[in-house]
Structure formats: structure tokens, C-alpha cells
C-alpha atoms as a PDB file:
ATOM      1  CA  MET A   1      89.138  91.447  97.202  1.00  0.00           C
ATOM      2  CA  GLN A   2      88.231  92.363 100.766  1.00  0.00           C
ATOM      3  CA  VAL A   3      89.906  95.415 102.264  1.00  0.00           C
ATOM      4  CA  PRO A   4      91.475  94.595 105.644  1.00  0.00           C
ATOM      5  CA  THR A   5      90.496  96.662 108.658  1.00  0.00           C
ATOM      6  CA  ARG A   6      92.893  97.223 111.483  1.00  0.00           C
ATOM      7  CA  LYS A   7      92.026  96.727 115.126  1.00  0.00           C
ATOM      8  CA  TYR A   8      92.560 100.366 116.007  1.00  0.00           C
ATOM      9  CA  ASP A   9      90.111 101.417 113.255  1.00  0.00           C
ATOM     10  CA  LYS A  10      87.305  99.648 115.135  1.00  0.00           C
ATOM     11  CA  ILE A  11      88.016 101.194 118.523  1.00  0.00           C
ATOM     12  CA  PRO A  12      86.210 104.496 119.065  1.00  0.00           C
ATOM     13  CA  ARG A  13      88.738 107.064 120.195  1.00  0.00           C
ATOM     14  CA  SER A  14      87.662 109.625 122.730  1.00  0.00           C
ATOM     15  CA  LYS A  15      89.763 112.678 123.347  1.00  0.00           C
ATOM     16  CA  PRO A  16      92.167 111.965 126.181  1.00  0.00           C
ATOM     17  CA  ASP A  17      91.934 114.019 129.342  1.00  0.00           C
ATOM     18  CA  PRO A  18      94.730 116.630 129.185  1.00  0.00           C
ATOM     19  CA  ALA A  19      95.054 117.051 132.982  1.00  0.00           C
ATOM     20  CA  MET A  20      98.214 115.433 134.390  1.00  0.00           C
ATOM     21  CA  THR A  21     100.931 115.982 136.957  1.00  0.00           C
ATOM     22  CA  GLU A  22     104.420 117.156 136.049  1.00  0.00           C
ATOM     23  CA  GLU A  23     105.725 113.665 136.917  1.00  0.00           C
ATOM     24  CA  LYS A  24     103.345 112.008 134.438  1.00  0.00           C
ATOM     25  CA  TYR A  25     104.295 114.555 131.779  1.00  0.00           C
ATOM     26  CA  GLN A  26     107.984 113.714 132.243  1.00  0.00           C
ATOM     27  CA  GLU A  27     107.224 109.964 132.210  1.00  0.00           C
ATOM     28  CA  LEU A  28     105.324 110.277 128.920  1.00  0.00           C
ATOM     29  CA  SER A  29     108.108 112.417 127.444  1.00  0.00           C
ATOM     30  CA  LYS A  30     110.671 109.702 128.258  1.00  0.00           C
ATOM     31  CA  LYS A  31     108.398 107.017 126.823  1.00  0.00           C
ATOM     32  CA  LEU A  32     107.998 109.055 123.625  1.00  0.00           C
ATOM     33  CA  GLU A  33     111.759 109.476 123.333  1.00  0.00           C
ATOM     34  CA  ILE A  34     112.297 105.699 123.708  1.00  0.00           C
ATOM     35  CA  LEU A  35     109.647 104.964 121.084  1.00  0.00           C
ATOM     36  CA  LYS A  36     111.167 107.443 118.619  1.00  0.00           C
ATOM     37  CA  THR A  37     114.859 106.695 119.124  1.00  0.00           C
ATOM     38  CA  LEU A  38     114.924 102.982 119.925  1.00  0.00           C
ATOM     39  CA  LYS A  39     111.775 101.055 119.136  1.00  0.00           C
ATOM     40  CA  ARG A  40     110.657 102.641 115.856  1.00  0.00           C
ATOM     41  CA  PRO A  41     114.101 102.490 114.163  1.00  0.00           C
ATOM     42  CA  ARG A  42     114.566  98.875 115.287  1.00  0.00           C
ATOM     43  CA  GLU A  43     111.149  97.865 113.971  1.00  0.00           C
ATOM     44  CA  ALA A  44     111.666  99.797 110.713  1.00  0.00           C
ATOM     45  CA  GLU A  45     114.911  97.870 110.161  1.00  0.00           C
ATOM     46  CA  GLU A  46     113.062  94.610 110.791  1.00  0.00           C
ATOM     47  CA  VAL A  47     110.391  95.563 108.235  1.00  0.00           C
ATOM     48  CA  LYS A  48     113.090  96.469 105.728  1.00  0.00           C
ATOM     49  CA  ARG A  49     114.912  93.157 106.333  1.00  0.00           C
ATOM     50  CA  LEU A  50     111.745  91.097 105.959  1.00  0.00           C
ATOM     51  CA  ALA A  51     110.685  93.037 102.837  1.00  0.00           C
ATOM     52  CA  LEU A  52     113.759  91.696 101.063  1.00  0.00           C
ATOM     53  CA  MET A  53     112.414  88.153 101.434  1.00  0.00           C
ATOM     54  CA  GLY A  54     110.111  88.596  98.467  1.00  0.00           C
ATOM     55  CA  ASP A  55     106.354  88.137  98.089  1.00  0.00           C
ATOM     56  CA  PHE A  56     104.553  90.366 100.603  1.00  0.00           C
ATOM     57  CA  SER A  57     101.234  88.518 100.407  1.00  0.00           C
ATOM     58  CA  GLU A  58     102.697  85.303 101.815  1.00  0.00           C
ATOM     59  CA  ASN A  59     105.337  86.808 104.075  1.00  0.00           C
ATOM     60  CA  ALA A  60     103.742  86.483 107.530  1.00  0.00           C
ATOM     61  CA  GLY A  61     106.819  87.849 109.314  1.00  0.00           C
ATOM     62  CA  TYR A  62     106.686  90.989 107.181  1.00  0.00           C
ATOM     63  CA  GLN A  63     102.974  91.456 107.878  1.00  0.00           C
ATOM     64  CA  LEU A  64     103.520  91.105 111.647  1.00  0.00           C
ATOM     65  CA  ALA A  65     106.495  93.467 111.656  1.00  0.00           C
ATOM     66  CA  LYS A  66     104.541  96.020 109.632  1.00  0.00           C
ATOM     67  CA  SER A  67     101.657  95.733 112.120  1.00  0.00           C
ATOM     68  CA  ARG A  68     104.027  96.289 115.074  1.00  0.00           C
ATOM     69  CA  LEU A  69     105.507  99.331 113.326  1.00  0.00           C
ATOM     70  CA  ARG A  70     102.011 100.769 112.749  1.00  0.00           C
ATOM     71  CA  GLY A  71     101.259 100.219 116.449  1.00  0.00           C
ATOM     72  CA  ILE A  72     104.441 102.033 117.492  1.00  0.00           C
ATOM     73  CA  ASN A  73     103.659 104.912 115.121  1.00  0.00           C
ATOM     74  CA  GLN A  74     100.124 105.168 116.526  1.00  0.00           C
ATOM     75  CA  ARG A  75     101.428 105.238 120.118  1.00  0.00           C
ATOM     76  CA  ILE A  76     103.872 108.001 119.139  1.00  0.00           C
ATOM     77  CA  ILE A  77     101.032 110.047 117.628  1.00  0.00           C
ATOM     78  CA  ASP A  78      98.815 109.487 120.683  1.00  0.00           C
ATOM     79  CA  ILE A  79     101.533 110.479 123.164  1.00  0.00           C
ATOM     80  CA  GLU A  80     102.526 113.546 121.125  1.00  0.00           C
ATOM     81  CA  ASN A  81      98.897 114.690 120.992  1.00  0.00           C
ATOM     82  CA  LEU A  82      98.512 114.136 124.728  1.00  0.00           C
ATOM     83  CA  LEU A  83     101.706 116.053 125.536  1.00  0.00           C
ATOM     84  CA  ASN A  84     100.765 118.921 123.198  1.00  0.00           C
ATOM     85  CA  ARG A  85      97.396 119.317 124.920  1.00  0.00           C
ATOM     86  CA  ALA A  86      98.666 118.664 128.460  1.00  0.00           C
ATOM     87  CA  GLU A  87      97.471 120.840 131.311  1.00  0.00           C
ATOM     88  CA  ILE A  88      99.789 120.417 134.293  1.00  0.00           C
ATOM     89  CA  ILE A  89      97.984 119.946 137.608  1.00  0.00           C
ATOM     90  CA  LYS A  90      99.270 122.179 140.372  1.00  0.00           C
ATOM     91  CA  ALA A  91      97.579 121.408 143.664  1.00  0.00           C
ATOM     92  CA  SER A  92      96.135 124.534 145.195  1.00  0.00           C
ATOM     93  CA  ASN A  93      97.220 125.567 148.687  1.00  0.00           C
ATOM     94  CA  ASP A  94      93.568 126.432 149.319  1.00  0.00           C
ATOM     95  CA  LYS A  95      92.339 123.443 151.343  1.00  0.00           C
ATOM     96  CA  ASP A  96      88.867 124.873 151.926  1.00  0.00           C
ATOM     97  CA  SER A  97      87.312 122.906 149.080  1.00  0.00           C
ATOM     98  CA  VAL A  98      88.326 119.870 147.020  1.00  0.00           C
ATOM     99  CA  GLN A  99      90.289 120.770 143.890  1.00  0.00           C
ATOM    100  CA  LEU A 100      92.138 118.837 141.208  1.00  0.00           C
ATOM    101  CA  GLY A 101      95.386 117.479 142.706  1.00  0.00           C
ATOM    102  CA  HIS A 102      94.109 117.291 146.304  1.00  0.00           C
ATOM    103  CA  LYS A 103      93.993 114.216 148.523  1.00  0.00           C
ATOM    104  CA  VAL A 104      90.569 113.730 150.051  1.00  0.00           C
ATOM    105  CA  THR A 105      89.804 111.548 153.055  1.00  0.00           C
ATOM    106  CA  VAL A 106      86.231 110.285 153.122  1.00  0.00           C
ATOM    107  CA  GLU A 107      84.153 107.999 155.302  1.00  0.00           C
ATOM    108  CA  THR A 108      81.793 105.522 153.676  1.00  0.00           C
ATOM    109  CA  ALA A 109      80.080 102.503 155.238  1.00  0.00           C
ATOM    110  CA  ASN A 110      82.146 103.038 158.430  1.00  0.00           C
ATOM    111  CA  LYS A 111      85.387 102.806 156.429  1.00  0.00           C
ATOM    112  CA  ILE A 112      87.852 105.620 155.953  1.00  0.00           C
ATOM    113  CA  LYS A 113      89.404 105.945 152.502  1.00  0.00           C
ATOM    114  CA  THR A 114      91.769 108.459 150.970  1.00  0.00           C
ATOM    115  CA  TYR A 115      91.620 109.402 147.297  1.00  0.00           C
ATOM    116  CA  LYS A 116      93.862 111.620 145.230  1.00  0.00           C
ATOM    117  CA  ILE A 117      91.984 113.388 142.444  1.00  0.00           C
ATOM    118  CA  LEU A 118      93.977 113.615 139.204  1.00  0.00           C
ATOM    119  CA  GLY A 119      93.410 113.422 135.453  1.00  0.00           C
ATOM    120  CA  SER A 120      92.170 110.305 133.667  1.00  0.00           C
ATOM    121  CA  VAL A 121      95.671 109.520 132.372  1.00  0.00           C
ATOM    122  CA  GLU A 122      96.904 108.757 135.895  1.00  0.00           C
ATOM    123  CA  THR A 123      93.867 106.952 137.300  1.00  0.00           C
ATOM    124  CA  ASN A 124      94.690 103.929 139.462  1.00  0.00           C
ATOM    125  CA  PRO A 125      91.865 103.092 141.890  1.00  0.00           C
ATOM    126  CA  ASP A 126      93.937 100.289 143.477  1.00  0.00           C
ATOM    127  CA  VAL A 127      96.245 102.893 145.015  1.00  0.00           C
ATOM    128  CA  GLY A 128      93.555 105.522 145.630  1.00  0.00           C
ATOM    129  CA  ILE A 129      94.036 107.725 142.558  1.00  0.00           C
ATOM    130  CA  ILE A 130      90.731 108.592 140.911  1.00  0.00           C
ATOM    131  CA  SER A 131      89.863 110.695 137.905  1.00  0.00           C
ATOM    132  CA  HIS A 132      88.191 114.051 138.253  1.00  0.00           C
ATOM    133  CA  ASN A 133      85.819 112.723 135.554  1.00  0.00           C
ATOM    134  CA  SER A 134      84.745 109.662 137.575  1.00  0.00           C
ATOM    135  CA  PRO A 135      81.370 109.784 139.370  1.00  0.00           C
ATOM    136  CA  LEU A 136      83.083 110.115 142.761  1.00  0.00           C
ATOM    137  CA  GLY A 137      85.627 112.630 141.470  1.00  0.00           C
ATOM    138  CA  VAL A 138      82.916 114.825 139.952  1.00  0.00           C
ATOM    139  CA  ALA A 139      80.885 114.678 143.176  1.00  0.00           C
ATOM    140  CA  LEU A 140      83.877 115.550 145.382  1.00  0.00           C
ATOM    141  CA  LEU A 141      85.143 118.576 143.421  1.00  0.00           C
ATOM    142  CA  GLY A 142      84.190 121.812 145.110  1.00  0.00           C
ATOM    143  CA  CYS A 143      82.969 120.164 148.332  1.00  0.00           C
ATOM    144  CA  ARG A 144      84.187 121.141 151.812  1.00  0.00           C
ATOM    145  CA  VAL A 145      85.148 119.198 154.934  1.00  0.00           C
ATOM    146  CA  GLY A 146      82.062 117.875 156.703  1.00  0.00           C
ATOM    147  CA  GLU A 147      79.869 117.769 153.611  1.00  0.00           C
ATOM    148  CA  ILE A 148      77.998 114.579 152.799  1.00  0.00           C
ATOM    149  CA  ILE A 149      77.654 113.586 149.163  1.00  0.00           C
ATOM    150  CA  LYS A 150      75.732 110.816 147.464  1.00  0.00           C
ATOM    151  CA  VAL A 151      77.115 109.031 144.405  1.00  0.00           C
ATOM    152  CA  GLN A 152      75.277 106.643 142.100  1.00  0.00           C
ATOM    153  CA  VAL A 153      77.592 103.695 141.357  1.00  0.00           C
ATOM    154  CA  ALA A 154      76.439 100.489 139.622  1.00  0.00           C
ATOM    155  CA  ASN A 155      72.745 100.975 140.468  1.00  0.00           C
ATOM    156  CA  LYS A 156      73.616 101.665 144.107  1.00  0.00           C
ATOM    157  CA  GLU A 157      73.720 104.946 145.915  1.00  0.00           C
ATOM    158  CA  LYS A 158      76.761 105.382 148.160  1.00  0.00           C
ATOM    159  CA  THR A 159      77.100 108.091 150.756  1.00  0.00           C
ATOM    160  CA  TYR A 160      80.459 109.727 151.475  1.00  0.00           C
ATOM    161  CA  LYS A 161      81.342 112.174 154.239  1.00  0.00           C
ATOM    162  CA  ILE A 162      84.396 114.348 153.619  1.00  0.00           C
ATOM    163  CA  ILE A 163      86.718 114.150 156.621  1.00  0.00           C
ATOM    164  CA  GLY A 164      89.823 115.930 155.359  1.00  0.00           C
ATOM    165  CA  ILE A 165      91.469 117.682 152.429  1.00  0.00           C
ATOM    166  CA  GLU A 166      95.227 117.687 151.891  1.00  0.00           C
END
């Protein structure tokens, strides 16, 4: 008999970045509470109900419910680990150099863009939030207004000039 492997067993898990804002910490705490108090008990009841239908090997509903419950349990574990390791980002009042939590205005290819540098958990490039672990984030940290940096992105070198730090 072949031993089944679960999807999450095949995905390599890297340690999540612990840096996050207080708002993200609160959001994850609420999500964890919902998973623990609403979703997991509901799914556990569904598994229990479907288990009463008999033969587990041919009970597709039971197998699916059990899989959903495992997924919920894994999300709970992941969020708990992230919250336990969390390092809250407090933007420094020192605007001399780019730090974690700062907004940075840069000029590249005659376009002005503003990026907020946060942890990987909150990254959303569409709204200008980049990770401090991204190539641009790493290059910007510690730089001052007026500095020009070069970043290698997708086999291209882009030049950025720092215009402002908030």
C-alpha cells in the first residue's frame, strides 16, 4: 500500500520574517482567534458527523473534511509561531537614513515612487509596501537622501535616487 503524502509536506517551509507592525500583529491575533473559536470547532464537528457514516476508505466527504481540518490546524500553528516570534516595527524618528518602517521616495527612470519598508509578512508591492529582505529593500536600508543606489532585478540593473525619507 502506498503512503499518501500531503501537499504541505512537499512545500519547503522557510522561517517567516518576524518583523511586522502592531496593526498586522493585531490582525493576525484576530484571525487566530477566529480559527480557534469558530472554524476549527465547526470543521471538527463536520469530521465527527461524517465519521459516523461508516467506512473511512470510501467516504470522500470524510476525507475532504479531515483535509480541511488539517489545513486549519496547520494555519493555527503557523500563525501562533509567527506571533510568538514577532518583532514589532516602530518607525524611528531619525529620518537621516532609511530604517525599517520608513517611507522612502525614490526617482527611477524619471518616475517618482514611494515605498514603505516593512517585514515580509506585510509585503504588497501594488500599494508600495516592500520587504526589507527584497533586493530594493536591502539596498535602501541605511542610505541617506541624495544617495544613488543600483539594484540588480531580473538581469537588469536599475538605478534609484533617494529623494525623501518619512
